[in-house]
Amino acid sequence: MKKCLLSILLVSLSFALASCGSSSGSAATEAPETVSTTSSEAELESGNKTVRNIVYCVPIEWKETTNDEGTVYYYPTGNSMDAQLMVMTPDVDPGTTITDEAFFHSCVDGMVNSSEKSTESTRSMETNANGLPYGYVEFSAYINNAPFNVYTALFDCTDGIVGFVFTQSPDLTPGYLDDYRTVIDSIKPEEMPVAEESPVEEPAQEEPQSSEPSALSVEECESILRSILTSSFGEDNYSLSRDENVITINMWGNGVSADATLAMYGNQDCINSWNNMMDQMVSVEKSLLQTLADAGHNELMLILNVVNDANKDNILACVSAGTVIYDAVNNINLLGIGE
């Protein structure tokens, strides 16, 4: 599904930040027993698909595309956006695992809370037919002003996490949920080659190291932020600059200015979408600031702006230190912008 709103872009950024000190969400609710798959093996693509070290199969008739960031999309109905499977690999900290309850809840909270008119029905830890554990969540939400059911399975892989996110219109008949469950049950680790035996070497004597961790440089911190933002937004949807101890990040998305204008004129759907986006902005800014603090730079100040996608000198919203200091839609102006 085409990501038109900045709030949709923020969903993938929530994954990247979930392991950086986010708090756990509500307690998990029990999921219904996994429905056995109905698609036969012959209906699946004969050649396995691979993402990182994960192997999976999809029905042969599903159309496959890949965007510039390497995210793979499959469309059961050809060119129609009524149903879609997205295979995503968000950047997370080394050693992160979806079986970590706090991390799992943080991922789910980020997805659900940043989606418009979202209603969660299920979240739980499951095991697929090949014995692989995965985090699972179901919720309904509005995307581009249309209702969708969202099903997400999150698996561990060698380099972090891989997500299989399936969206489907509730009006679609017949549905493809059984096929999605077949895909999930097909997931297995890629076979690893047997390592050759090598002579055992005596470990070298290590020099004693200081017990105090060394802080990263400010330039290294900037590089980390750029990596997180690029993997979540792409290179063309943000800018980052620094003036001494102040880091400013400007973000934009296609149509964000038009949606803000409609919200100012009272369009309730756009107002709800905007307010959801603002809540997510506060969460993202806090997580980015915590990333800087963890790197040893509490002195750095972070300013997160949403700017007009048609005129990037025009600020539509600003968040800093966990506070909304400018919001053109809700008439918040602690900076005196435009006065």
C-alpha atoms as a PDB file:
ATOM      1  CA  MET A   1       0.000   0.000   0.000  1.00  0.00           C
ATOM      2  CA  LYS A   2       1.375   3.388  -0.955  1.00  0.00           C
ATOM      3  CA  LYS A   3       2.618   5.283   2.096  1.00  0.00           C
ATOM      4  CA  CYS A   4       1.158   8.771   1.628  1.00  0.00           C
ATOM      5  CA  LEU A   5       1.026  10.097   5.171  1.00  0.00           C
ATOM      6  CA  LEU A   6       3.923  10.826   7.490  1.00  0.00           C
ATOM      7  CA  SER A   7       2.131   8.819  10.176  1.00  0.00           C
ATOM      8  CA  ILE A   8       2.456   5.695   8.014  1.00  0.00           C
ATOM      9  CA  LEU A   9       6.187   6.354   7.562  1.00  0.00           C
ATOM     10  CA  LEU A  10       6.559   6.581  11.336  1.00  0.00           C
ATOM     11  CA  VAL A  11       5.418   2.960  11.748  1.00  0.00           C
ATOM     12  CA  SER A  12       8.668   1.529  10.379  1.00  0.00           C
ATOM     13  CA  LEU A  13      10.690   4.034  12.422  1.00  0.00           C
ATOM     14  CA  SER A  14       8.990   2.647  15.552  1.00  0.00           C
ATOM     15  CA  PHE A  15      10.637  -0.733  14.826  1.00  0.00           C
ATOM     16  CA  ALA A  16      14.068   0.834  14.569  1.00  0.00           C
ATOM     17  CA  LEU A  17      13.656   2.592  17.903  1.00  0.00           C
ATOM     18  CA  ALA A  18      11.810  -0.122  19.820  1.00  0.00           C
ATOM     19  CA  SER A  19      15.005  -1.585  21.277  1.00  0.00           C
ATOM     20  CA  CYS A  20      16.319   1.824  22.430  1.00  0.00           C
ATOM     21  CA  GLY A  21      14.694   2.032  25.849  1.00  0.00           C
ATOM     22  CA  SER A  22      10.987   1.904  24.972  1.00  0.00           C
ATOM     23  CA  SER A  23       8.734   0.671  27.736  1.00  0.00           C
ATOM     24  CA  SER A  24       6.678  -2.482  27.381  1.00  0.00           C
ATOM     25  CA  GLY A  25       3.020  -2.289  26.459  1.00  0.00           C
ATOM     26  CA  SER A  26      -0.060  -3.906  27.914  1.00  0.00           C
ATOM     27  CA  ALA A  27      -0.168  -7.546  28.849  1.00  0.00           C
ATOM     28  CA  ALA A  28      -0.520  -9.978  25.977  1.00  0.00           C
ATOM     29  CA  THR A  29      -3.953 -11.287  25.164  1.00  0.00           C
ATOM     30  CA  GLU A  30      -4.491 -14.879  24.176  1.00  0.00           C
ATOM     31  CA  ALA A  31      -4.803 -15.549  20.467  1.00  0.00           C
ATOM     32  CA  PRO A  32      -7.215 -18.072  19.039  1.00  0.00           C
ATOM     33  CA  GLU A  33      -5.735 -21.435  18.164  1.00  0.00           C
ATOM     34  CA  THR A  34      -3.804 -21.270  14.904  1.00  0.00           C
ATOM     35  CA  VAL A  35      -6.046 -22.271  11.994  1.00  0.00           C
ATOM     36  CA  SER A  36      -4.580 -25.085   9.920  1.00  0.00           C
ATOM     37  CA  THR A  37      -3.567 -23.973   6.459  1.00  0.00           C
ATOM     38  CA  THR A  38      -5.696 -24.954   3.478  1.00  0.00           C
ATOM     39  CA  SER A  39      -3.424 -24.081   0.545  1.00  0.00           C
ATOM     40  CA  SER A  40      -1.680 -27.139  -0.871  1.00  0.00           C
ATOM     41  CA  GLU A  41       2.074 -27.231  -1.305  1.00  0.00           C
ATOM     42  CA  ALA A  42       1.556 -27.272  -5.078  1.00  0.00           C
ATOM     43  CA  GLU A  43      -0.084 -23.826  -4.869  1.00  0.00           C
ATOM     44  CA  LEU A  44       3.077 -22.297  -3.389  1.00  0.00           C
ATOM     45  CA  GLU A  45       5.968 -20.892  -5.393  1.00  0.00           C
ATOM     46  CA  SER A  46       8.236 -23.832  -6.242  1.00  0.00           C
ATOM     47  CA  GLY A  47      11.367 -21.746  -5.645  1.00  0.00           C
ATOM     48  CA  ASN A  48      11.899 -20.613  -2.045  1.00  0.00           C
ATOM     49  CA  LYS A  49      12.141 -16.911  -1.270  1.00  0.00           C
ATOM     50  CA  THR A  50      14.885 -15.757   1.081  1.00  0.00           C
ATOM     51  CA  VAL A  51      15.175 -12.688   3.292  1.00  0.00           C
ATOM     52  CA  ARG A  52      18.368 -12.560   5.349  1.00  0.00           C
ATOM     53  CA  ASN A  53      18.614 -16.161   6.687  1.00  0.00           C
ATOM     54  CA  ILE A  54      14.844 -16.785   6.563  1.00  0.00           C
ATOM     55  CA  VAL A  55      13.299 -18.955   3.810  1.00  0.00           C
ATOM     56  CA  TYR A  56       9.581 -18.685   2.948  1.00  0.00           C
ATOM     57  CA  CYS A  57       7.124 -19.518   0.170  1.00  0.00           C
ATOM     58  CA  VAL A  58       4.256 -17.495  -1.309  1.00  0.00           C
ATOM     59  CA  PRO A  59       1.432 -18.554  -3.662  1.00  0.00           C
ATOM     60  CA  ILE A  60       2.714 -18.579  -7.219  1.00  0.00           C
ATOM     61  CA  GLU A  61       0.001 -16.219  -8.497  1.00  0.00           C
ATOM     62  CA  TRP A  62       0.870 -13.382  -6.091  1.00  0.00           C
ATOM     63  CA  LYS A  63       2.549 -10.476  -7.892  1.00  0.00           C
ATOM     64  CA  GLU A  64       5.955  -9.481  -6.439  1.00  0.00           C
ATOM     65  CA  THR A  65       7.534  -5.994  -6.390  1.00  0.00           C
ATOM     66  CA  THR A  66      10.458  -4.441  -4.482  1.00  0.00           C
ATOM     67  CA  ASN A  67      10.924  -0.762  -3.553  1.00  0.00           C
ATOM     68  CA  ASP A  68      14.158   1.247  -3.463  1.00  0.00           C
ATOM     69  CA  GLU A  69      14.748   0.388   0.227  1.00  0.00           C
ATOM     70  CA  GLY A  70      14.588  -3.364  -0.508  1.00  0.00           C
ATOM     71  CA  THR A  71      11.166  -3.971   1.058  1.00  0.00           C
ATOM     72  CA  VAL A  72       9.359  -6.753  -0.845  1.00  0.00           C
ATOM     73  CA  TYR A  73       5.617  -6.585  -1.566  1.00  0.00           C
ATOM     74  CA  TYR A  74       3.287  -9.359  -2.775  1.00  0.00           C
ATOM     75  CA  TYR A  75      -0.200  -8.679  -4.179  1.00  0.00           C
ATOM     76  CA  PRO A  76      -2.674 -11.610  -4.177  1.00  0.00           C
ATOM     77  CA  THR A  77      -5.090  -9.744  -6.460  1.00  0.00           C
ATOM     78  CA  GLY A  78      -2.554  -8.601  -9.052  1.00  0.00           C
ATOM     79  CA  ASN A  79      -2.445  -4.807  -9.259  1.00  0.00           C
ATOM     80  CA  SER A  80      -5.203  -4.290  -6.658  1.00  0.00           C
ATOM     81  CA  MET A  81      -4.264  -2.767  -3.279  1.00  0.00           C
ATOM     82  CA  ASP A  82      -7.138  -4.608  -1.521  1.00  0.00           C
ATOM     83  CA  ALA A  83      -4.660  -7.169  -0.171  1.00  0.00           C
ATOM     84  CA  GLN A  84      -0.898  -6.970   0.286  1.00  0.00           C
ATOM     85  CA  LEU A  85       1.926  -8.832   2.022  1.00  0.00           C
ATOM     86  CA  MET A  86       4.949  -6.702   2.992  1.00  0.00           C
ATOM     87  CA  VAL A  87       8.228  -8.379   4.017  1.00  0.00           C
ATOM     88  CA  MET A  88      10.275  -5.831   5.964  1.00  0.00           C
ATOM     89  CA  THR A  89      13.621  -5.950   7.789  1.00  0.00           C
ATOM     90  CA  PRO A  90      13.726  -3.027  10.262  1.00  0.00           C
ATOM     91  CA  ASP A  91      17.058  -2.050  11.803  1.00  0.00           C
ATOM     92  CA  VAL A  92      17.337  -3.015  15.492  1.00  0.00           C
ATOM     93  CA  ASP A  93      20.148  -3.199  18.021  1.00  0.00           C
ATOM     94  CA  PRO A  94      22.474  -6.256  17.833  1.00  0.00           C
ATOM     95  CA  GLY A  95      21.208  -9.084  20.005  1.00  0.00           C
ATOM     96  CA  THR A  96      17.583  -7.918  19.867  1.00  0.00           C
ATOM     97  CA  THR A  97      15.077 -10.792  19.864  1.00  0.00           C
ATOM     98  CA  ILE A  98      11.330 -10.797  19.333  1.00  0.00           C
ATOM     99  CA  THR A  99      11.021 -13.264  22.220  1.00  0.00           C
ATOM    100  CA  ASP A 100      11.980 -10.370  24.527  1.00  0.00           C
ATOM    101  CA  GLU A 101       8.535  -9.482  25.864  1.00  0.00           C
ATOM    102  CA  ALA A 102       9.302  -5.777  26.369  1.00  0.00           C
ATOM    103  CA  PHE A 103      10.676  -5.425  22.830  1.00  0.00           C
ATOM    104  CA  PHE A 104       7.721  -7.300  21.312  1.00  0.00           C
ATOM    105  CA  HIS A 105       5.162  -5.109  23.103  1.00  0.00           C
ATOM    106  CA  SER A 106       7.092  -1.984  22.142  1.00  0.00           C
ATOM    107  CA  CYS A 107       6.989  -2.989  18.450  1.00  0.00           C
ATOM    108  CA  VAL A 108       3.265  -3.706  18.618  1.00  0.00           C
ATOM    109  CA  ASP A 109       2.504  -0.467  20.473  1.00  0.00           C
ATOM    110  CA  GLY A 110       4.434   1.495  17.851  1.00  0.00           C
ATOM    111  CA  MET A 111       2.473  -0.065  14.991  1.00  0.00           C
ATOM    112  CA  VAL A 112      -0.972   0.152  16.561  1.00  0.00           C
ATOM    113  CA  ASN A 113      -0.648   3.620  18.118  1.00  0.00           C
ATOM    114  CA  SER A 114       0.660   5.220  14.928  1.00  0.00           C
ATOM    115  CA  SER A 115      -2.200   3.847  12.814  1.00  0.00           C
ATOM    116  CA  GLU A 116      -5.383   5.826  12.275  1.00  0.00           C
ATOM    117  CA  LYS A 117      -8.555   4.589  14.035  1.00  0.00           C
ATOM    118  CA  SER A 118      -6.748   1.443  15.149  1.00  0.00           C
ATOM    119  CA  THR A 119      -8.425  -1.274  17.217  1.00  0.00           C
ATOM    120  CA  GLU A 120      -6.263  -4.145  18.420  1.00  0.00           C
ATOM    121  CA  SER A 121      -7.826  -7.597  18.680  1.00  0.00           C
ATOM    122  CA  THR A 122      -4.927  -9.987  19.361  1.00  0.00           C
ATOM    123  CA  ARG A 123      -1.260  -9.999  20.365  1.00  0.00           C
ATOM    124  CA  SER A 124       0.629 -13.115  21.438  1.00  0.00           C
ATOM    125  CA  MET A 125       3.738 -15.255  21.011  1.00  0.00           C
ATOM    126  CA  GLU A 126       3.140 -18.185  18.624  1.00  0.00           C
ATOM    127  CA  THR A 127       5.073 -21.058  17.028  1.00  0.00           C
ATOM    128  CA  ASN A 128       4.783 -21.934  13.333  1.00  0.00           C
ATOM    129  CA  ALA A 129       4.638 -25.398  11.720  1.00  0.00           C
ATOM    130  CA  ASN A 130       8.453 -25.559  11.583  1.00  0.00           C
ATOM    131  CA  GLY A 131       8.802 -24.836  15.297  1.00  0.00           C
ATOM    132  CA  LEU A 132       9.949 -21.189  14.932  1.00  0.00           C
ATOM    133  CA  PRO A 133       8.663 -18.764  17.590  1.00  0.00           C
ATOM    134  CA  TYR A 134       7.213 -15.458  16.402  1.00  0.00           C
ATOM    135  CA  GLY A 135       5.360 -12.447  17.750  1.00  0.00           C
ATOM    136  CA  TYR A 136       1.870 -12.020  16.324  1.00  0.00           C
ATOM    137  CA  VAL A 137      -0.617  -9.125  16.318  1.00  0.00           C
ATOM    138  CA  GLU A 138      -3.952  -8.447  14.640  1.00  0.00           C
ATOM    139  CA  PHE A 139      -5.618  -5.037  14.482  1.00  0.00           C
ATOM    140  CA  SER A 140      -7.907  -2.979  12.286  1.00  0.00           C
ATOM    141  CA  ALA A 141      -7.004   0.525  11.094  1.00  0.00           C
ATOM    142  CA  TYR A 142      -7.672   3.141   8.450  1.00  0.00           C
ATOM    143  CA  ILE A 143      -4.969   3.565   5.783  1.00  0.00           C
ATOM    144  CA  ASN A 144      -5.431   6.323   3.203  1.00  0.00           C
ATOM    145  CA  ASN A 145      -8.953   6.830   4.621  1.00  0.00           C
ATOM    146  CA  ALA A 146      -9.965   3.227   3.933  1.00  0.00           C
ATOM    147  CA  PRO A 147     -10.499   0.435   6.516  1.00  0.00           C
ATOM    148  CA  PHE A 148      -8.087  -2.506   6.572  1.00  0.00           C
ATOM    149  CA  ASN A 149      -7.392  -5.533   8.720  1.00  0.00           C
ATOM    150  CA  VAL A 150      -3.685  -5.836   9.591  1.00  0.00           C
ATOM    151  CA  TYR A 151      -1.952  -9.116  10.491  1.00  0.00           C
ATOM    152  CA  THR A 152       1.727  -9.084  11.499  1.00  0.00           C
ATOM    153  CA  ALA A 153       4.170 -11.899  12.298  1.00  0.00           C
ATOM    154  CA  LEU A 154       7.651 -10.939  13.578  1.00  0.00           C
ATOM    155  CA  PHE A 155      10.490 -13.495  13.400  1.00  0.00           C
ATOM    156  CA  ASP A 156      14.092 -13.437  14.612  1.00  0.00           C
ATOM    157  CA  CYS A 157      16.818 -13.648  11.965  1.00  0.00           C
ATOM    158  CA  THR A 158      20.620 -13.484  11.989  1.00  0.00           C
ATOM    159  CA  ASP A 159      20.742  -9.679  11.645  1.00  0.00           C
ATOM    160  CA  GLY A 160      17.720  -8.737  13.749  1.00  0.00           C
ATOM    161  CA  ILE A 161      14.010  -8.961  12.957  1.00  0.00           C
ATOM    162  CA  VAL A 162      11.989  -9.754   9.831  1.00  0.00           C
ATOM    163  CA  GLY A 163       8.300  -8.808   9.697  1.00  0.00           C
ATOM    164  CA  PHE A 164       5.589 -10.348   7.505  1.00  0.00           C
ATOM    165  CA  VAL A 165       2.825  -7.711   7.482  1.00  0.00           C
ATOM    166  CA  PHE A 166      -0.418  -8.627   5.679  1.00  0.00           C
ATOM    167  CA  THR A 167      -3.158  -6.035   5.067  1.00  0.00           C
ATOM    168  CA  GLN A 168      -6.558  -6.841   3.622  1.00  0.00           C
ATOM    169  CA  SER A 169      -9.773  -4.910   3.023  1.00  0.00           C
ATOM    170  CA  PRO A 170     -12.603  -6.233   5.213  1.00  0.00           C
ATOM    171  CA  ASP A 171     -14.836  -6.087   2.120  1.00  0.00           C
ATOM    172  CA  LEU A 172     -12.615  -8.416   0.096  1.00  0.00           C
ATOM    173  CA  THR A 173     -14.337 -11.677  -0.833  1.00  0.00           C
ATOM    174  CA  PRO A 174     -12.861 -14.223  -0.817  1.00  0.00           C
ATOM    175  CA  GLY A 175     -10.145 -13.313   1.651  1.00  0.00           C
ATOM    176  CA  TYR A 176      -6.545 -14.466   1.667  1.00  0.00           C
ATOM    177  CA  LEU A 177      -5.974 -14.984   5.399  1.00  0.00           C
ATOM    178  CA  ASP A 178      -5.564 -18.758   5.040  1.00  0.00           C
ATOM    179  CA  ASP A 179      -2.915 -18.174   2.364  1.00  0.00           C
ATOM    180  CA  TYR A 180      -1.113 -15.736   4.690  1.00  0.00           C
ATOM    181  CA  ARG A 181      -1.100 -18.354   7.439  1.00  0.00           C
ATOM    182  CA  THR A 182       0.321 -20.838   4.941  1.00  0.00           C
ATOM    183  CA  VAL A 183       3.155 -18.392   4.228  1.00  0.00           C
ATOM    184  CA  ILE A 184       3.828 -18.023   7.974  1.00  0.00           C
ATOM    185  CA  ASP A 185       3.892 -21.795   8.465  1.00  0.00           C
ATOM    186  CA  SER A 186       6.327 -22.164   5.530  1.00  0.00           C
ATOM    187  CA  ILE A 187       8.963 -19.973   7.213  1.00  0.00           C
ATOM    188  CA  LYS A 188      12.122 -21.773   8.266  1.00  0.00           C
ATOM    189  CA  PRO A 189      15.813 -20.932   8.782  1.00  0.00           C
ATOM    190  CA  GLU A 190      18.112 -21.210   5.798  1.00  0.00           C
ATOM    191  CA  GLU A 191      20.335 -24.285   5.966  1.00  0.00           C
ATOM    192  CA  MET A 192      23.758 -23.299   7.196  1.00  0.00           C
ATOM    193  CA  PRO A 193      26.909 -24.986   5.758  1.00  0.00           C
ATOM    194  CA  VAL A 194      28.886 -27.187   8.144  1.00  0.00           C
ATOM    195  CA  ALA A 195      31.964 -25.324   9.310  1.00  0.00           C
ATOM    196  CA  GLU A 196      35.305 -26.975   8.621  1.00  0.00           C
ATOM    197  CA  GLU A 197      37.395 -27.912  11.617  1.00  0.00           C
ATOM    198  CA  SER A 198      40.339 -25.633  12.190  1.00  0.00           C
ATOM    199  CA  PRO A 199      43.361 -26.005  14.462  1.00  0.00           C
ATOM    200  CA  VAL A 200      42.755 -24.834  17.996  1.00  0.00           C
ATOM    201  CA  GLU A 201      44.820 -21.789  18.771  1.00  0.00           C
ATOM    202  CA  GLU A 202      45.780 -20.579  22.187  1.00  0.00           C
ATOM    203  CA  PRO A 203      43.835 -17.395  23.000  1.00  0.00           C
ATOM    204  CA  ALA A 204      45.969 -14.261  22.917  1.00  0.00           C
ATOM    205  CA  GLN A 205      46.471 -12.430  26.152  1.00  0.00           C
ATOM    206  CA  GLU A 206      44.147  -9.447  26.216  1.00  0.00           C
ATOM    207  CA  GLU A 207      45.268  -6.162  27.649  1.00  0.00           C
ATOM    208  CA  PRO A 208      43.158  -4.947  30.571  1.00  0.00           C
ATOM    209  CA  GLN A 209      40.535  -2.474  29.465  1.00  0.00           C
ATOM    210  CA  SER A 210      38.973   0.403  31.285  1.00  0.00           C
ATOM    211  CA  SER A 211      35.694  -0.430  33.009  1.00  0.00           C
ATOM    212  CA  GLU A 212      34.199   2.856  31.850  1.00  0.00           C
ATOM    213  CA  PRO A 213      32.687   2.773  28.317  1.00  0.00           C
ATOM    214  CA  SER A 214      34.000   5.422  25.941  1.00  0.00           C
ATOM    215  CA  ALA A 215      31.403   7.773  24.492  1.00  0.00           C
ATOM    216  CA  LEU A 216      30.850   7.910  20.767  1.00  0.00           C
ATOM    217  CA  SER A 217      31.809  11.106  18.985  1.00  0.00           C
ATOM    218  CA  VAL A 218      29.076  13.551  18.005  1.00  0.00           C
ATOM    219  CA  GLU A 219      29.810  12.746  14.344  1.00  0.00           C
ATOM    220  CA  GLU A 220      29.288   9.037  15.063  1.00  0.00           C
ATOM    221  CA  CYS A 221      25.977   9.867  16.751  1.00  0.00           C
ATOM    222  CA  GLU A 222      24.897  11.810  13.670  1.00  0.00           C
ATOM    223  CA  SER A 223      25.784   8.803  11.537  1.00  0.00           C
ATOM    224  CA  ILE A 224      23.662   6.538  13.747  1.00  0.00           C
ATOM    225  CA  LEU A 225      20.667   8.887  13.485  1.00  0.00           C
ATOM    226  CA  ARG A 226      21.061   9.104   9.705  1.00  0.00           C
ATOM    227  CA  SER A 227      21.175   5.328   9.443  1.00  0.00           C
ATOM    228  CA  ILE A 228      17.984   4.944  11.503  1.00  0.00           C
ATOM    229  CA  LEU A 229      16.149   7.653   9.545  1.00  0.00           C
ATOM    230  CA  THR A 230      17.318   6.443   6.127  1.00  0.00           C
ATOM    231  CA  SER A 231      16.275   2.845   6.805  1.00  0.00           C
ATOM    232  CA  SER A 232      12.844   3.999   8.003  1.00  0.00           C
ATOM    233  CA  PHE A 233      12.062   6.962   5.703  1.00  0.00           C
ATOM    234  CA  GLY A 234      14.439   6.679   2.761  1.00  0.00           C
ATOM    235  CA  GLU A 235      16.962   9.363   1.855  1.00  0.00           C
ATOM    236  CA  ASP A 236      14.364  11.649   0.225  1.00  0.00           C
ATOM    237  CA  ASN A 237      11.973  12.128   3.164  1.00  0.00           C
ATOM    238  CA  TYR A 238      14.149  13.812   5.791  1.00  0.00           C
ATOM    239  CA  SER A 239      17.125  16.106   6.371  1.00  0.00           C
ATOM    240  CA  LEU A 240      19.495  16.329   9.363  1.00  0.00           C
ATOM    241  CA  SER A 241      21.702  19.241  10.361  1.00  0.00           C
ATOM    242  CA  ARG A 242      23.685  20.245  13.475  1.00  0.00           C
ATOM    243  CA  ASP A 243      24.563  23.633  14.901  1.00  0.00           C
ATOM    244  CA  GLU A 244      26.956  23.054  17.811  1.00  0.00           C
ATOM    245  CA  ASN A 245      24.895  21.012  20.327  1.00  0.00           C
ATOM    246  CA  VAL A 246      21.544  21.290  18.526  1.00  0.00           C
ATOM    247  CA  ILE A 247      20.550  18.587  16.025  1.00  0.00           C
ATOM    248  CA  THR A 248      17.580  19.457  13.802  1.00  0.00           C
ATOM    249  CA  ILE A 249      15.689  16.792  11.869  1.00  0.00           C
ATOM    250  CA  ASN A 250      13.108  17.832   9.263  1.00  0.00           C
ATOM    251  CA  MET A 251      10.681  15.165   8.021  1.00  0.00           C
ATOM    252  CA  TRP A 252       8.040  15.212   5.325  1.00  0.00           C
ATOM    253  CA  GLY A 253       5.718  12.870   3.472  1.00  0.00           C
ATOM    254  CA  ASN A 254       3.695  13.104   0.285  1.00  0.00           C
ATOM    255  CA  GLY A 255       0.496  15.050   0.922  1.00  0.00           C
ATOM    256  CA  VAL A 256       1.237  15.991   4.528  1.00  0.00           C
ATOM    257  CA  SER A 257       0.642  19.714   3.813  1.00  0.00           C
ATOM    258  CA  ALA A 258      -2.692  19.021   2.110  1.00  0.00           C
ATOM    259  CA  ASP A 259      -3.812  16.838   5.016  1.00  0.00           C
ATOM    260  CA  ALA A 260      -2.788  19.521   7.509  1.00  0.00           C
ATOM    261  CA  THR A 261      -4.812  22.120   5.575  1.00  0.00           C
ATOM    262  CA  LEU A 262      -7.893  19.885   5.542  1.00  0.00           C
ATOM    263  CA  ALA A 263      -7.463  19.308   9.287  1.00  0.00           C
ATOM    264  CA  MET A 264      -7.326  23.085   9.868  1.00  0.00           C
ATOM    265  CA  TYR A 265     -10.642  23.391   8.026  1.00  0.00           C
ATOM    266  CA  GLY A 266     -12.273  20.812  10.263  1.00  0.00           C
ATOM    267  CA  ASN A 267     -12.001  17.522   8.337  1.00  0.00           C
ATOM    268  CA  GLN A 268     -12.374  15.059  11.213  1.00  0.00           C
ATOM    269  CA  ASP A 269     -10.550  12.164   9.533  1.00  0.00           C
ATOM    270  CA  CYS A 270      -7.566  14.412   8.827  1.00  0.00           C
ATOM    271  CA  ILE A 271      -7.688  15.816  12.373  1.00  0.00           C
ATOM    272  CA  ASN A 272      -7.559  12.284  13.820  1.00  0.00           C
ATOM    273  CA  SER A 273      -4.746  11.290  11.471  1.00  0.00           C
ATOM    274  CA  TRP A 274      -2.768  14.432  12.346  1.00  0.00           C
ATOM    275  CA  ASN A 275      -3.180  13.937  16.098  1.00  0.00           C
ATOM    276  CA  ASN A 276      -2.083  10.293  15.823  1.00  0.00           C
ATOM    277  CA  MET A 277       0.982  11.457  13.917  1.00  0.00           C
ATOM    278  CA  MET A 278       1.795  14.054  16.592  1.00  0.00           C
ATOM    279  CA  ASP A 279       1.598  11.431  19.356  1.00  0.00           C
ATOM    280  CA  GLN A 280       3.992   9.234  17.395  1.00  0.00           C
ATOM    281  CA  MET A 281       6.346  12.178  16.795  1.00  0.00           C
ATOM    282  CA  VAL A 282       6.673  12.748  20.535  1.00  0.00           C
ATOM    283  CA  SER A 283       7.456   9.056  21.048  1.00  0.00           C
ATOM    284  CA  VAL A 284      10.030   9.029  18.221  1.00  0.00           C
ATOM    285  CA  GLU A 285      11.745  12.209  19.476  1.00  0.00           C
ATOM    286  CA  LYS A 286      12.060  10.760  22.980  1.00  0.00           C
ATOM    287  CA  SER A 287      13.544   7.526  21.604  1.00  0.00           C
ATOM    288  CA  LEU A 288      16.036   9.363  19.398  1.00  0.00           C
ATOM    289  CA  LEU A 289      17.059  11.527  22.342  1.00  0.00           C
ATOM    290  CA  GLN A 290      17.535   8.398  24.453  1.00  0.00           C
ATOM    291  CA  THR A 291      19.735   6.981  21.679  1.00  0.00           C
ATOM    292  CA  LEU A 292      21.978  10.051  21.996  1.00  0.00           C
ATOM    293  CA  ALA A 293      22.038   9.755  25.792  1.00  0.00           C
ATOM    294  CA  ASP A 294      22.980   6.067  25.596  1.00  0.00           C
ATOM    295  CA  ALA A 295      25.888   7.093  23.346  1.00  0.00           C
ATOM    296  CA  GLY A 296      27.145   9.414  26.094  1.00  0.00           C
ATOM    297  CA  HIS A 297      25.817  12.756  24.839  1.00  0.00           C
ATOM    298  CA  ASN A 298      23.238  14.158  27.236  1.00  0.00           C
ATOM    299  CA  GLU A 299      24.360  17.657  26.238  1.00  0.00           C
ATOM    300  CA  LEU A 300      22.867  17.321  22.736  1.00  0.00           C
ATOM    301  CA  MET A 301      19.476  18.898  22.054  1.00  0.00           C
ATOM    302  CA  LEU A 302      17.147  17.412  19.435  1.00  0.00           C
ATOM    303  CA  ILE A 303      14.516  19.289  17.381  1.00  0.00           C
ATOM    304  CA  LEU A 304      12.114  17.184  15.297  1.00  0.00           C
ATOM    305  CA  ASN A 305      10.124  19.108  12.659  1.00  0.00           C
ATOM    306  CA  VAL A 306       7.382  18.151  10.226  1.00  0.00           C
ATOM    307  CA  VAL A 307       7.690  20.448   7.223  1.00  0.00           C
ATOM    308  CA  ASN A 308       5.558  21.273   4.205  1.00  0.00           C
ATOM    309  CA  ASP A 309       6.377  18.721   1.497  1.00  0.00           C
ATOM    310  CA  ALA A 310       5.910  21.440  -1.158  1.00  0.00           C
ATOM    311  CA  ASN A 311       7.891  24.151   0.700  1.00  0.00           C
ATOM    312  CA  LYS A 312      10.341  22.707   3.182  1.00  0.00           C
ATOM    313  CA  ASP A 313      11.011  26.117   4.762  1.00  0.00           C
ATOM    314  CA  ASN A 314       7.455  26.015   6.123  1.00  0.00           C
ATOM    315  CA  ILE A 315       7.290  24.223   9.500  1.00  0.00           C
ATOM    316  CA  LEU A 316       3.961  22.494  10.250  1.00  0.00           C
ATOM    317  CA  ALA A 317       4.898  20.950  13.623  1.00  0.00           C
ATOM    318  CA  CYS A 318       7.855  20.880  16.007  1.00  0.00           C
ATOM    319  CA  VAL A 319       8.691  18.570  18.925  1.00  0.00           C
ATOM    320  CA  SER A 320      11.631  18.935  21.321  1.00  0.00           C
ATOM    321  CA  ALA A 321      12.428  17.521  24.779  1.00  0.00           C
ATOM    322  CA  GLY A 322       9.300  15.360  24.593  1.00  0.00           C
ATOM    323  CA  THR A 323       7.033  18.397  24.161  1.00  0.00           C
ATOM    324  CA  VAL A 324       4.989  19.701  21.226  1.00  0.00           C
ATOM    325  CA  ILE A 325       6.189  23.286  20.904  1.00  0.00           C
ATOM    326  CA  TYR A 326       4.515  24.063  17.573  1.00  0.00           C
ATOM    327  CA  ASP A 327       1.441  22.538  15.941  1.00  0.00           C
ATOM    328  CA  ALA A 328      -0.178  24.472  13.094  1.00  0.00           C
ATOM    329  CA  VAL A 329      -3.352  22.366  13.226  1.00  0.00           C
ATOM    330  CA  ASN A 330      -3.988  22.629  16.978  1.00  0.00           C
ATOM    331  CA  ASN A 331      -2.814  26.253  17.336  1.00  0.00           C
ATOM    332  CA  ILE A 332       0.129  25.435  19.607  1.00  0.00           C
ATOM    333  CA  ASN A 333       2.902  28.021  19.189  1.00  0.00           C
ATOM    334  CA  LEU A 334       5.427  28.165  22.006  1.00  0.00           C
ATOM    335  CA  LEU A 335       8.094  29.442  19.606  1.00  0.00           C
ATOM    336  CA  GLY A 336       6.205  32.434  18.260  1.00  0.00           C
ATOM    337  CA  ILE A 337       6.580  31.125  14.685  1.00  0.00           C
ATOM    338  CA  GLY A 338       5.003  33.518  12.176  1.00  0.00           C
ATOM    339  CA  GLU A 339       4.211  36.160  14.781  1.00  0.00           C
END
